[in-house]
Amino acid sequence: MNKKSLVIFLSSLFLHTILNAQEWTLKLRSSVELRTFKLTNKVDISEEKLAGATITLSKGAITITQIQSDGSGDFVIDVPANGDYILTISYSGCNPKKFAISTMNVPEELAKDNYKPTFGIEGVIMAKAFPSINYSVLQQALARIVYTPNGKKFDDEEGYTNQMLAELTKIREAENVLMNNFTSTNNTGDVALSKGDCPLAKASYEKAMTIIPGERYPSDQLPKVGDCLKQKELADKKAADEAKLAAEKLAAEKLAKEKAAQEKLEADKLAKDKVAQEASNKAAQAEAEKAQNAQLAAEKAETERLAKDKIAQAAAAKATKAESEKAQKDKLAKEKLEADKIAKEASTKAAKEAAEKATQSKVTKTKETPKEPVKEKTTTPAKETTREIVPSSTSSSETGSAGVGSGDAKYSIPQALGADKYNATIKRADELFKMKRYSEAKPMYEEALKQKPNDPAATNKLAEIEKLTIKK
């Protein structure tokens, strides 16, 4: 068996061994229950088997398997070997539950021996989420199921499971506090309603609706509060009417007394007002004269102030104008300097580019100028093997190669054209290219490509001929 066959055989054997080691699966079993809460003025909890819960086995972002729990809430799912997976149990309106499952690290000898591991998760309870409760811990796996070498079986990591159970206990306690707050508030409303304290009952039920929105009990009790409020309103109206009649009687008696007293007060007041009016008129006249004098003095002071302000404004305007003219001159000078700088830079750049262009043109012209072919003296004339006469500018001294004459006017017959047609063709094409006979060199390179497809030398020369002919 050669080395290549041995490698293929060993690779196939290794692949067969891996496939056999991965044939086993972990059979995972569990059941799903739905927990419901009936919340009134007390908490009633019930649980029942949940059919139709979605069980999804995924690896990273890829879904491996997806099934649903049966009519009894049970399910069985096969977890492939040698992988890390997440098992997610979900149901509409409920918080999802996750479990991490690793089928790694199972000994190969154990996996070969008709290995059929199983594991059962205790019943998974699904329940709706309550507002204001932090369920972020449910984004993590509630348990980690791994292979345990000591027992040669799959089991959960006890420390991690206990940690997550403690977190779930905190959630349950927070839910209990929320539900007890809700039901006790409803109970306060029920007691108030039974005693006819309608406002307290209404406030209690409305508060309960904010504690857990969407629960029916407080909203069902509010119509009863409405009836209570109507009865209380009628009773309050009757009492108000009776109180109004009594108040109107007292008011009439009081009004009569007040009227008599008011008439006496008005008479006394008229007398006093007359005396006071005379004194007031005198004082007002004196005050008016004083105010007139003060106004005249103020007007004079204002006139003087305006005159001073006008002078100050004129001086300020003159100073502002001078400052503005100076700023404009500075700006124009700065702009001129900037324009001169830009023009100088543009001139320098243009001169540099012209120099570079001239240098580049000189280099290009030097490259394109053909060198004088070197004339060599041919010492041995080539034997005539064909009637085609090929011009040549170089000579060859290789054994078995075509002999070539020396000098631009000399010709020789290629002796090895039949033995190595490609080399003769490419050589002839190169000679024509050097002499700038591009139209004759092009078909020679194309012929060389037919003899040796994808030849880089012929391909590159054809590209150069294409560029040179385009420039012309």
Protein backbone atom coordinates (compact mmCIF):
# COMPACT_ATOMS: atom_id res chain seq x y z
CA MET A 1 0.00 0.00 0.00
CA ASN A 2 1.54 3.33 -1.04
CA LYS A 3 1.70 6.38 1.23
CA LYS A 4 -1.28 8.17 -0.37
CA SER A 5 -3.51 5.08 -0.05
CA LEU A 6 -2.44 4.68 3.60
CA VAL A 7 -3.41 8.31 4.39
CA ILE A 8 -6.85 7.89 2.75
CA PHE A 9 -7.41 4.61 4.65
CA LEU A 10 -6.45 6.12 8.03
CA SER A 11 -8.63 9.24 7.37
CA SER A 12 -11.63 7.06 6.51
CA LEU A 13 -11.03 4.91 9.61
CA PHE A 14 -10.80 8.03 11.82
CA LEU A 15 -14.01 9.49 10.33
CA HIS A 16 -15.78 6.14 10.81
CA THR A 17 -14.66 6.06 14.44
CA ILE A 18 -15.97 9.62 15.04
CA LEU A 19 -19.33 8.84 13.43
CA ASN A 20 -19.69 5.68 15.54
CA ALA A 21 -18.79 7.63 18.68
CA GLN A 22 -21.50 10.21 17.91
CA GLU A 23 -24.33 7.75 17.20
CA TRP A 24 -25.59 7.84 20.81
CA THR A 25 -27.94 10.56 22.09
CA LEU A 26 -29.04 11.69 25.53
CA LYS A 27 -32.77 11.01 25.96
CA LEU A 28 -34.17 13.86 28.09
CA ARG A 29 -37.60 13.53 29.69
CA SER A 30 -39.79 15.96 31.63
CA SER A 31 -43.32 17.27 32.03
CA VAL A 32 -44.81 20.78 31.91
CA GLU A 33 -47.48 22.20 34.24
CA LEU A 34 -49.37 25.49 34.10
CA ARG A 35 -49.78 27.37 37.37
CA THR A 36 -52.72 29.81 37.50
CA PHE A 37 -53.63 32.35 40.17
CA LYS A 38 -57.20 33.43 41.06
CA LEU A 39 -56.82 36.67 42.97
CA THR A 40 -59.80 38.19 44.80
CA ASN A 41 -59.60 39.18 48.48
CA LYS A 42 -57.44 36.05 48.86
CA VAL A 43 -54.99 34.00 46.77
CA ASP A 44 -56.13 30.74 45.14
CA ILE A 45 -53.44 28.78 43.23
CA SER A 46 -54.10 25.84 40.92
CA GLU A 47 -51.82 23.71 38.71
CA GLU A 48 -52.66 21.46 35.77
CA LYS A 49 -50.78 19.51 33.10
CA LEU A 50 -49.93 21.77 30.15
CA ALA A 51 -50.31 20.43 26.61
CA GLY A 52 -48.90 22.39 23.68
CA ALA A 53 -45.90 23.94 25.44
CA THR A 54 -43.04 24.51 22.97
CA ILE A 55 -39.75 22.72 23.72
CA THR A 56 -36.78 24.00 21.66
CA LEU A 57 -33.29 22.48 21.61
CA SER A 58 -30.72 24.90 20.18
CA LYS A 59 -26.99 25.14 19.74
CA GLY A 60 -25.91 28.74 19.64
CA ALA A 61 -28.27 30.51 17.23
CA ILE A 62 -29.18 27.25 15.43
CA THR A 63 -32.38 25.36 16.32
CA ILE A 64 -31.66 21.61 16.49
CA THR A 65 -35.11 20.27 17.42
CA GLN A 66 -38.48 21.76 18.32
CA ILE A 67 -41.41 19.74 19.73
CA GLN A 68 -44.51 20.29 21.90
CA SER A 69 -45.64 18.69 25.13
CA ASP A 70 -48.35 16.04 24.74
CA GLY A 71 -51.84 15.98 26.26
CA SER A 72 -50.39 15.00 29.64
CA GLY A 73 -47.79 17.75 29.50
CA ASP A 74 -44.96 15.23 28.97
CA PHE A 75 -42.18 15.37 26.40
CA VAL A 76 -39.09 13.38 25.40
CA ILE A 77 -36.31 14.93 23.34
CA ASP A 78 -33.02 13.48 22.01
CA VAL A 79 -29.92 15.59 22.65
CA PRO A 80 -27.05 14.83 20.19
CA ALA A 81 -23.64 13.73 21.46
CA ASN A 82 -20.54 15.91 21.84
CA GLY A 83 -22.12 19.34 22.02
CA ASP A 84 -23.32 22.15 24.29
CA TYR A 85 -27.05 22.91 23.96
CA ILE A 86 -29.81 25.07 25.47
CA LEU A 87 -33.26 23.59 26.11
CA THR A 88 -35.97 26.28 26.21
CA ILE A 89 -39.56 25.64 27.36
CA SER A 90 -42.04 28.37 26.42
CA TYR A 91 -45.80 28.99 26.42
CA SER A 92 -47.80 32.04 25.40
CA GLY A 93 -48.15 34.59 28.22
CA CYS A 94 -45.65 32.79 30.48
CA ASN A 95 -42.00 33.30 31.39
CA PRO A 96 -39.76 30.87 29.42
CA LYS A 97 -37.52 28.41 31.30
CA LYS A 98 -34.04 27.41 30.11
CA PHE A 99 -31.71 24.47 30.83
CA ALA A 100 -28.05 24.06 29.75
CA ILE A 101 -27.13 20.56 28.53
CA SER A 102 -23.60 19.40 27.70
CA THR A 103 -23.01 15.99 26.08
CA MET A 104 -19.24 16.52 25.98
CA ASN A 105 -16.52 14.50 27.75
CA VAL A 106 -18.20 11.08 27.46
CA PRO A 107 -15.38 8.47 27.24
CA GLU A 108 -15.03 7.01 23.76
CA GLU A 109 -14.99 3.41 25.04
CA LEU A 110 -18.28 4.05 26.89
CA ALA A 111 -19.88 5.69 23.84
CA LYS A 112 -19.06 2.66 21.68
CA ASP A 113 -20.69 0.16 24.04
CA ASN A 114 -24.36 0.61 22.98
CA TYR A 115 -24.52 3.74 25.13
CA LYS A 116 -28.09 4.97 25.80
CA PRO A 117 -28.01 7.62 28.55
CA THR A 118 -31.20 9.20 29.92
CA PHE A 119 -32.00 12.06 32.25
CA GLY A 120 -35.23 13.35 33.75
CA ILE A 121 -35.99 16.94 34.72
CA GLU A 122 -38.55 17.35 37.48
CA GLY A 123 -41.78 18.98 36.35
CA VAL A 124 -41.33 22.43 34.81
CA ILE A 125 -43.93 24.95 36.02
CA MET A 126 -44.99 27.72 33.64
CA ALA A 127 -46.70 30.82 35.02
CA LYS A 128 -47.58 34.30 33.82
CA ALA A 129 -45.35 37.24 34.67
CA PHE A 130 -46.43 39.86 37.20
CA PRO A 131 -45.60 43.56 36.79
CA SER A 132 -42.81 45.09 38.92
CA ILE A 133 -41.19 41.66 39.45
CA ASN A 134 -37.58 41.25 38.26
CA TYR A 135 -37.45 38.07 36.14
CA SER A 136 -34.03 38.75 34.60
CA VAL A 137 -32.55 35.63 36.27
CA LEU A 138 -34.78 33.52 33.99
CA GLN A 139 -32.59 34.60 31.07
CA GLN A 140 -30.04 32.17 32.50
CA ALA A 141 -30.24 28.38 32.54
CA LEU A 142 -32.03 27.07 35.66
CA ALA A 143 -29.81 23.99 35.70
CA ARG A 144 -26.69 22.63 34.02
CA ILE A 145 -26.85 18.96 32.98
CA VAL A 146 -23.43 17.38 32.36
CA TYR A 147 -21.73 13.98 32.22
CA THR A 148 -20.34 12.92 35.62
CA PRO A 149 -17.34 10.55 35.32
CA ASN A 150 -17.76 9.16 38.85
CA GLY A 151 -21.25 7.85 38.26
CA LYS A 152 -20.79 7.38 34.51
CA LYS A 153 -24.10 9.14 33.97
CA PHE A 154 -25.65 12.54 33.29
CA ASP A 155 -26.65 14.68 36.26
CA ASP A 156 -27.15 18.34 37.15
CA GLU A 157 -24.45 20.47 38.75
CA GLU A 158 -25.78 20.55 42.31
CA GLY A 159 -24.10 23.80 43.37
CA TYR A 160 -25.40 25.71 40.35
CA THR A 161 -28.89 24.18 40.73
CA ASN A 162 -29.07 25.24 44.40
CA GLN A 163 -27.96 28.75 43.46
CA MET A 164 -30.72 29.06 40.83
CA LEU A 165 -33.32 27.57 43.22
CA ALA A 166 -32.42 30.31 45.70
CA GLU A 167 -32.98 32.90 42.95
CA LEU A 168 -36.33 31.31 42.03
CA THR A 169 -37.31 31.40 45.72
CA LYS A 170 -36.63 35.15 45.76
CA ILE A 171 -38.88 35.59 42.73
CA ARG A 172 -41.64 33.52 44.35
CA GLU A 173 -41.39 35.54 47.57
CA ALA A 174 -41.63 38.79 45.60
CA GLU A 175 -44.70 37.41 43.77
CA ASN A 176 -46.28 36.44 47.10
CA VAL A 177 -45.71 39.93 48.49
CA LEU A 178 -47.28 41.45 45.38
CA MET A 179 -50.29 39.11 45.44
CA ASN A 180 -50.84 39.60 49.19
CA ASN A 181 -50.69 43.36 48.73
CA PHE A 182 -53.25 43.06 45.92
CA THR A 183 -55.67 40.80 47.84
CA SER A 184 -55.38 42.74 51.13
CA THR A 185 -56.19 45.98 49.25
CA ASN A 186 -59.24 44.27 47.74
CA ASN A 187 -60.23 43.04 51.24
CA THR A 188 -60.02 46.62 52.55
CA GLY A 189 -62.37 47.65 49.75
CA ASP A 190 -64.80 44.80 50.58
CA VAL A 191 -64.91 45.78 54.28
CA ALA A 192 -65.43 49.46 53.42
CA LEU A 193 -68.21 48.54 50.95
CA SER A 194 -69.99 46.44 53.58
CA LYS A 195 -69.93 49.42 55.98
CA GLY A 196 -71.16 51.87 53.35
CA ASP A 197 -67.86 53.71 53.13
CA CYS A 198 -68.09 54.03 49.36
CA PRO A 199 -65.17 56.46 48.79
CA LEU A 200 -62.75 54.21 50.70
CA ALA A 201 -64.02 51.14 48.82
CA LYS A 202 -63.57 52.90 45.46
CA ALA A 203 -60.07 54.12 46.35
CA SER A 204 -59.07 50.61 47.50
CA TYR A 205 -60.27 48.87 44.33
CA GLU A 206 -58.64 51.48 42.11
CA LYS A 207 -55.37 51.05 44.03
CA ALA A 208 -55.58 47.26 43.59
CA MET A 209 -55.97 47.76 39.82
CA THR A 210 -52.63 49.61 39.79
CA ILE A 211 -50.86 46.92 41.86
CA ILE A 212 -51.67 44.12 39.35
CA PRO A 213 -53.28 45.59 36.22
CA GLY A 214 -55.70 43.39 34.32
CA GLU A 215 -57.07 41.36 37.27
CA ARG A 216 -60.87 41.23 37.14
CA TYR A 217 -61.88 41.26 40.82
CA PRO A 218 -61.44 44.98 41.59
CA SER A 219 -63.04 46.02 38.28
CA ASP A 220 -65.99 43.68 38.99
CA GLN A 221 -66.45 45.29 42.43
CA LEU A 222 -66.49 48.87 41.15
CA PRO A 223 -70.15 48.68 39.89
CA LYS A 224 -71.16 47.78 43.46
CA VAL A 225 -69.32 50.85 44.63
CA GLY A 226 -71.29 52.85 42.07
CA ASP A 227 -74.60 51.65 43.58
CA CYS A 228 -73.32 52.49 47.03
CA LEU A 229 -72.35 55.97 45.90
CA LYS A 230 -75.82 56.57 44.40
CA GLN A 231 -77.56 55.57 47.66
CA LYS A 232 -75.17 57.72 49.65
CA GLU A 233 -75.75 60.57 47.23
CA LEU A 234 -79.54 60.36 47.76
CA ALA A 235 -79.13 60.31 51.53
CA ASP A 236 -76.67 63.19 51.38
CA LYS A 237 -79.09 65.15 49.14
CA LYS A 238 -81.96 64.69 51.58
CA ALA A 239 -79.81 65.80 54.50
CA ALA A 240 -78.54 68.70 52.44
CA ASP A 241 -82.10 69.83 51.58
CA GLU A 242 -83.13 69.78 55.25
CA ALA A 243 -80.00 71.61 56.24
CA LYS A 244 -80.63 74.13 53.50
CA LEU A 245 -84.13 74.96 54.77
CA ALA A 246 -82.85 75.45 58.31
CA ALA A 247 -79.99 77.56 57.04
CA GLU A 248 -82.32 79.72 54.93
CA LYS A 249 -84.48 80.43 58.00
CA LEU A 250 -81.50 81.39 60.10
CA ALA A 251 -80.20 83.46 57.23
CA ALA A 252 -83.45 85.41 56.94
CA GLU A 253 -83.44 86.26 60.63
CA LYS A 254 -79.83 87.22 60.50
CA LEU A 255 -80.41 89.34 57.40
CA ALA A 256 -83.09 91.38 59.13
CA LYS A 257 -80.86 92.13 62.08
CA GLU A 258 -77.96 92.95 59.84
CA LYS A 259 -80.11 95.28 57.74
CA ALA A 260 -81.11 97.36 60.74
CA ALA A 261 -77.59 97.55 61.98
CA GLN A 262 -76.35 98.41 58.48
CA GLU A 263 -78.78 101.31 58.13
CA LYS A 264 -77.53 102.79 61.41
CA LEU A 265 -73.92 102.31 60.35
CA GLU A 266 -74.57 103.99 57.01
CA ALA A 267 -76.08 107.04 58.65
CA ASP A 268 -73.10 107.39 60.97
CA LYS A 269 -70.78 106.82 58.10
CA LEU A 270 -72.34 109.56 55.95
CA ALA A 271 -71.72 112.07 58.66
CA LYS A 272 -68.17 111.02 59.16
CA ASP A 273 -67.57 110.81 55.40
CA LYS A 274 -68.62 114.40 54.89
CA VAL A 275 -66.07 115.68 57.40
CA ALA A 276 -63.44 113.37 56.02
CA GLN A 277 -64.19 114.42 52.44
CA GLU A 278 -63.61 118.06 53.18
CA ALA A 279 -60.27 117.28 54.83
CA SER A 280 -59.38 114.98 51.95
CA ASN A 281 -60.12 117.60 49.32
CA LYS A 282 -57.83 120.07 51.04
CA ALA A 283 -55.04 117.54 51.38
CA ALA A 284 -55.51 116.44 47.76
CA GLN A 285 -55.14 119.96 46.51
CA ALA A 286 -51.88 120.41 48.43
CA GLU A 287 -50.64 117.02 47.18
CA ALA A 288 -51.50 117.94 43.58
CA GLU A 289 -49.48 121.13 43.79
CA LYS A 290 -46.57 119.23 45.29
CA ALA A 291 -46.79 116.57 42.57
CA GLN A 292 -46.88 119.21 39.83
CA ASN A 293 -43.74 120.85 41.15
CA ALA A 294 -42.02 117.46 41.39
CA GLN A 295 -43.04 116.62 37.81
CA LEU A 296 -41.59 119.87 36.48
CA ALA A 297 -38.30 119.18 38.26
CA ALA A 298 -38.24 115.61 36.90
CA GLU A 299 -38.91 116.77 33.35
CA LYS A 300 -36.04 119.25 33.58
CA ALA A 301 -33.69 116.55 34.90
CA GLU A 302 -34.79 114.18 32.12
CA THR A 303 -34.16 116.80 29.45
CA GLU A 304 -30.64 117.34 30.78
CA ARG A 305 -30.02 113.55 30.95
CA LEU A 306 -31.20 113.06 27.35
CA ALA A 307 -28.85 115.79 26.15
CA LYS A 308 -25.90 114.12 27.92
CA ASP A 309 -26.93 110.68 26.56
CA LYS A 310 -27.09 112.06 23.01
CA ILE A 311 -23.54 113.43 23.30
CA ALA A 312 -22.31 110.11 24.74
CA GLN A 313 -24.05 108.10 22.00
CA ALA A 314 -22.49 110.25 19.28
CA ALA A 315 -19.04 109.68 20.79
CA ALA A 316 -19.69 105.94 21.09
CA ALA A 317 -20.94 105.74 17.49
CA LYS A 318 -17.81 107.54 16.28
CA ALA A 319 -15.59 105.15 18.23
CA THR A 320 -17.53 102.12 16.95
CA LYS A 321 -17.22 103.33 13.35
CA ALA A 322 -13.48 103.82 13.74
CA GLU A 323 -13.14 100.34 15.28
CA SER A 324 -15.22 98.83 12.45
CA GLU A 325 -13.12 100.53 9.77
CA LYS A 326 -9.92 99.29 11.44
CA ALA A 327 -11.32 95.73 11.67
CA GLN A 328 -12.30 95.87 7.97
CA LYS A 329 -8.81 97.02 6.98
CA ASP A 330 -7.23 94.24 9.10
CA LYS A 331 -9.56 91.68 7.52
CA LEU A 332 -8.72 92.85 3.97
CA ALA A 333 -4.99 92.75 4.76
CA LYS A 334 -5.32 89.23 6.22
CA GLU A 335 -7.33 88.04 3.20
CA LYS A 336 -4.68 89.50 0.84
CA LEU A 337 -1.90 87.71 2.74
CA GLU A 338 -3.87 84.46 2.60
CA ALA A 339 -4.56 84.89 -1.14
CA ASP A 340 -0.85 85.59 -1.79
CA LYS A 341 0.08 82.50 0.22
CA ILE A 342 -2.38 80.29 -1.72
CA ALA A 343 -1.16 81.72 -5.05
CA LYS A 344 2.46 81.10 -4.05
CA GLU A 345 1.67 77.51 -2.98
CA ALA A 346 -0.25 76.91 -6.23
CA SER A 347 2.66 78.29 -8.24
CA THR A 348 5.15 76.12 -6.35
CA LYS A 349 2.94 73.05 -6.78
CA ALA A 350 2.50 73.74 -10.54
CA ALA A 351 6.27 74.13 -10.95
CA LYS A 352 6.88 70.91 -9.05
CA GLU A 353 4.30 69.03 -11.13
CA ALA A 354 5.85 70.44 -14.38
CA ALA A 355 9.30 69.30 -13.23
CA GLU A 356 8.01 65.85 -12.33
CA LYS A 357 6.18 65.62 -15.67
CA ALA A 358 9.33 66.61 -17.57
CA THR A 359 11.37 64.04 -15.63
CA GLN A 360 8.77 61.34 -16.27
CA SER A 361 8.66 62.24 -19.99
CA LYS A 362 12.44 61.99 -20.16
CA VAL A 363 12.42 58.58 -18.43
CA THR A 364 9.65 57.31 -20.74
CA LYS A 365 11.50 58.54 -23.83
CA THR A 366 14.68 56.82 -22.63
CA LYS A 367 12.81 53.53 -22.10
CA GLU A 368 11.18 53.64 -25.53
CA THR A 369 14.45 54.39 -27.47
CA PRO A 370 15.62 51.02 -28.92
CA LYS A 371 19.21 50.01 -28.34
CA GLU A 372 21.57 49.36 -31.27
CA PRO A 373 21.74 45.64 -31.87
CA VAL A 374 25.17 44.24 -31.12
CA LYS A 375 26.87 42.91 -34.24
CA GLU A 376 28.61 39.65 -33.74
CA LYS A 377 30.76 37.82 -36.18
CA THR A 378 29.33 34.49 -37.28
CA THR A 379 32.05 31.93 -37.52
CA THR A 380 30.01 28.95 -38.56
CA PRO A 381 27.33 29.29 -41.26
CA ALA A 382 24.04 27.55 -40.50
CA LYS A 383 23.05 24.59 -42.58
CA GLU A 384 20.06 25.17 -44.87
CA THR A 385 17.11 23.12 -43.56
CA THR A 386 14.24 25.27 -44.81
CA ARG A 387 13.56 27.81 -47.54
CA GLU A 388 12.35 30.50 -45.03
CA ILE A 389 14.87 33.24 -44.40
CA VAL A 390 14.53 34.81 -40.90
CA PRO A 391 16.14 38.18 -40.08
CA SER A 392 17.92 38.31 -36.71
CA SER A 393 19.73 40.87 -34.55
CA THR A 394 21.29 38.44 -32.07
CA SER A 395 23.27 35.23 -32.26
CA SER A 396 22.99 32.01 -30.25
CA SER A 397 25.82 29.82 -29.09
CA GLU A 398 23.67 27.11 -27.45
CA THR A 399 24.20 23.55 -28.69
CA GLY A 400 21.33 22.42 -30.92
CA SER A 401 19.78 25.88 -31.20
CA ALA A 402 19.11 27.69 -34.45
CA GLY A 403 22.12 29.47 -35.84
CA VAL A 404 21.69 33.15 -36.62
CA GLY A 405 23.74 35.54 -38.74
CA SER A 406 25.28 38.74 -37.34
CA GLY A 407 24.46 42.30 -38.29
CA ASP A 408 21.22 43.96 -39.30
CA ALA A 409 21.55 42.96 -42.94
CA LYS A 410 22.47 39.33 -42.35
CA TYR A 411 19.94 36.46 -42.43
CA SER A 412 20.14 32.82 -41.42
CA ILE A 413 17.89 29.78 -41.40
CA PRO A 414 16.55 28.63 -37.95
CA GLN A 415 17.83 25.07 -37.66
CA ALA A 416 15.76 23.91 -34.63
CA LEU A 417 12.33 25.30 -35.69
CA GLY A 418 10.90 21.86 -36.05
CA ALA A 419 12.53 20.62 -32.79
CA ASP A 420 11.32 23.52 -30.54
CA LYS A 421 8.76 25.54 -32.43
CA TYR A 422 7.59 27.55 -29.36
CA ASN A 423 11.10 28.85 -28.51
CA ALA A 424 11.74 29.78 -32.15
CA THR A 425 8.36 31.55 -32.38
CA ILE A 426 8.76 33.55 -29.16
CA LYS A 427 12.34 34.43 -30.08
CA ARG A 428 11.28 35.71 -33.50
CA ALA A 429 8.44 37.69 -31.91
CA ASP A 430 10.86 39.31 -29.42
CA GLU A 431 13.16 40.36 -32.28
CA LEU A 432 10.28 41.98 -34.14
CA PHE A 433 9.14 43.69 -30.91
CA LYS A 434 12.61 45.17 -30.33
CA MET A 435 12.57 46.56 -33.88
CA LYS A 436 9.13 48.12 -33.09
CA ARG A 437 7.49 46.04 -35.81
CA TYR A 438 4.48 45.50 -33.56
CA SER A 439 2.02 44.55 -36.29
CA GLU A 440 4.34 41.61 -37.24
CA ALA A 441 5.24 40.68 -33.66
CA LYS A 442 1.58 40.47 -32.51
CA PRO A 443 0.57 37.40 -34.65
CA MET A 444 3.85 35.68 -33.62
CA TYR A 445 2.95 36.03 -29.89
CA GLU A 446 -0.57 34.82 -30.62
CA GLU A 447 0.94 31.79 -32.41
CA ALA A 448 3.16 31.15 -29.34
CA LEU A 449 0.03 31.18 -27.10
CA LYS A 450 -1.51 28.49 -29.33
CA GLN A 451 1.61 26.38 -28.81
CA LYS A 452 1.82 27.14 -25.07
CA PRO A 453 -1.54 28.43 -23.70
CA ASN A 454 -1.47 31.04 -20.89
CA ASP A 455 2.24 31.70 -21.43
CA PRO A 456 3.00 34.82 -19.30
CA ALA A 457 5.77 36.08 -21.60
CA ALA A 458 3.52 36.13 -24.69
CA THR A 459 0.53 37.50 -22.69
CA ASN A 460 2.56 40.40 -21.22
CA LYS A 461 4.04 41.33 -24.61
CA LEU A 462 0.60 41.37 -26.25
CA ALA A 463 -0.60 43.72 -23.50
CA GLU A 464 2.37 46.04 -24.12
CA ILE A 465 1.70 46.00 -27.90
CA GLU A 466 -1.94 46.89 -27.20
CA LYS A 467 -0.91 49.91 -25.08
CA LEU A 468 1.73 51.08 -27.56
CA THR A 469 -0.59 50.85 -30.59
CA ILE A 470 -3.36 52.68 -28.70
CA LYS A 471 -0.98 55.55 -27.87
CA LYS A 472 -0.15 55.89 -31.57
